[in-house]
């Protein structure tokens, strides 16, 4: 399993888990990032934070600490 923060531009991941103890878990679920959904990394800032992802047909910008709690394959 990989975490979203380790992917490169163009990579896709199917969400398997969002850490239960994460402070941003509820926020991510409300934004449509749920287990089973596919996420594609569409852009990254020069230093890698934040990163832009495509999820459910819309683009979303996530901080690296938020992307770190999303894992999948």
C-alpha atoms as a PDB file:
ATOM      1  CA  UNK A   1       0.000   0.000   0.000  1.00  0.00           C
ATOM      2  CA  UNK A   2       1.089   3.531  -0.834  1.00  0.00           C
ATOM      3  CA  UNK A   3       0.106   6.855   0.651  1.00  0.00           C
ATOM      4  CA  UNK A   4      -1.100   9.702  -1.554  1.00  0.00           C
ATOM      5  CA  UNK A   5       1.775  12.031  -0.615  1.00  0.00           C
ATOM      6  CA  UNK A   6       4.348   9.623  -2.169  1.00  0.00           C
ATOM      7  CA  UNK A   7       2.810   9.559  -5.673  1.00  0.00           C
ATOM      8  CA  UNK A   8       4.078  11.440  -8.720  1.00  0.00           C
ATOM      9  CA  UNK A   9       2.110  13.541 -11.196  1.00  0.00           C
ATOM     10  CA  UNK A  10      -0.061  11.279 -13.362  1.00  0.00           C
ATOM     11  CA  UNK A  11      -0.178   8.437 -10.816  1.00  0.00           C
ATOM     12  CA  UNK A  12      -3.527   7.067  -9.672  1.00  0.00           C
ATOM     13  CA  UNK A  13      -4.536   5.414  -6.432  1.00  0.00           C
ATOM     14  CA  UNK A  14      -7.686   3.641  -5.315  1.00  0.00           C
ATOM     15  CA  UNK A  15      -8.398   4.653  -1.721  1.00  0.00           C
ATOM     16  CA  UNK A  16      -8.408   1.754   0.728  1.00  0.00           C
ATOM     17  CA  UNK A  17      -8.096   3.553   4.040  1.00  0.00           C
ATOM     18  CA  UNK A  18      -8.025   6.944   5.761  1.00  0.00           C
ATOM     19  CA  UNK A  19      -6.313   6.898   9.165  1.00  0.00           C
ATOM     20  CA  UNK A  20      -8.931   6.814  11.910  1.00  0.00           C
ATOM     21  CA  UNK A  21      -6.941   8.961  14.349  1.00  0.00           C
ATOM     22  CA  UNK A  22      -6.334  11.731  11.823  1.00  0.00           C
ATOM     23  CA  UNK A  23      -7.542  15.239  12.641  1.00  0.00           C
ATOM     24  CA  UNK A  24      -8.522  15.778   8.977  1.00  0.00           C
ATOM     25  CA  UNK A  25     -10.398  12.474   8.438  1.00  0.00           C
ATOM     26  CA  UNK A  26     -13.889  14.027   8.626  1.00  0.00           C
ATOM     27  CA  UNK A  27     -12.846  16.861   6.287  1.00  0.00           C
ATOM     28  CA  UNK A  28     -11.512  14.398   3.685  1.00  0.00           C
ATOM     29  CA  UNK A  29     -14.666  12.266   3.851  1.00  0.00           C
ATOM     30  CA  UNK A  30     -16.836  15.384   3.421  1.00  0.00           C
ATOM     31  CA  UNK A  31     -14.828  16.323   0.305  1.00  0.00           C
ATOM     32  CA  UNK A  32     -15.639  12.967  -1.317  1.00  0.00           C
ATOM     33  CA  UNK A  33     -12.453  11.071  -0.542  1.00  0.00           C
ATOM     34  CA  UNK A  34     -13.942   7.786   0.617  1.00  0.00           C
ATOM     35  CA  UNK A  35     -12.728   4.178   0.452  1.00  0.00           C
ATOM     36  CA  UNK A  36     -13.072   2.838  -3.107  1.00  0.00           C
ATOM     37  CA  UNK A  37     -12.774   6.173  -4.917  1.00  0.00           C
ATOM     38  CA  UNK A  38      -9.962   6.678  -7.454  1.00  0.00           C
ATOM     39  CA  UNK A  39      -7.668   9.699  -7.094  1.00  0.00           C
ATOM     40  CA  UNK A  40      -5.226  10.995  -9.719  1.00  0.00           C
ATOM     41  CA  UNK A  41      -2.362  13.361  -8.889  1.00  0.00           C
ATOM     42  CA  UNK A  42      -2.551  16.216 -11.440  1.00  0.00           C
ATOM     43  CA  UNK A  43      -0.004  18.651 -10.040  1.00  0.00           C
ATOM     44  CA  UNK A  44       2.502  19.460  -7.316  1.00  0.00           C
ATOM     45  CA  UNK A  45       4.057  22.657  -6.058  1.00  0.00           C
ATOM     46  CA  UNK A  46       7.826  22.957  -6.625  1.00  0.00           C
ATOM     47  CA  UNK A  47       8.621  21.776  -3.084  1.00  0.00           C
ATOM     48  CA  UNK A  48       5.915  19.072  -3.209  1.00  0.00           C
ATOM     49  CA  UNK A  49       3.429  20.804  -0.922  1.00  0.00           C
ATOM     50  CA  UNK A  50       0.563  21.268  -1.697  1.00  0.00           C
ATOM     51  CA  UNK A  51      -0.494  18.756  -4.329  1.00  0.00           C
ATOM     52  CA  UNK A  52      -3.450  18.901  -6.710  1.00  0.00           C
ATOM     53  CA  UNK A  53      -5.605  15.815  -7.221  1.00  0.00           C
ATOM     54  CA  UNK A  54      -8.556  14.872  -9.391  1.00  0.00           C
ATOM     55  CA  UNK A  55     -11.305  13.151  -7.417  1.00  0.00           C
ATOM     56  CA  UNK A  56     -14.901  12.511  -8.524  1.00  0.00           C
ATOM     57  CA  UNK A  57     -14.491  14.871 -11.494  1.00  0.00           C
ATOM     58  CA  UNK A  58     -13.201  17.914  -9.627  1.00  0.00           C
ATOM     59  CA  UNK A  59      -9.749  19.193  -8.715  1.00  0.00           C
ATOM     60  CA  UNK A  60      -8.809  19.446  -5.086  1.00  0.00           C
ATOM     61  CA  UNK A  61      -5.684  20.825  -3.427  1.00  0.00           C
ATOM     62  CA  UNK A  62      -4.354  18.937  -0.411  1.00  0.00           C
ATOM     63  CA  UNK A  63      -1.491  19.655   1.970  1.00  0.00           C
ATOM     64  CA  UNK A  64       1.137  16.957   2.311  1.00  0.00           C
ATOM     65  CA  UNK A  65       0.054  16.186   5.900  1.00  0.00           C
ATOM     66  CA  UNK A  66      -3.523  15.623   4.656  1.00  0.00           C
ATOM     67  CA  UNK A  67      -2.382  13.396   1.766  1.00  0.00           C
ATOM     68  CA  UNK A  68      -0.211  11.351   4.122  1.00  0.00           C
ATOM     69  CA  UNK A  69      -3.254   9.827   5.895  1.00  0.00           C
ATOM     70  CA  UNK A  70      -4.798   8.499   2.626  1.00  0.00           C
ATOM     71  CA  UNK A  71      -3.564   5.046   1.657  1.00  0.00           C
ATOM     72  CA  UNK A  72      -4.450   2.735  -1.193  1.00  0.00           C
ATOM     73  CA  UNK A  73      -3.113   0.790  -4.140  1.00  0.00           C
END
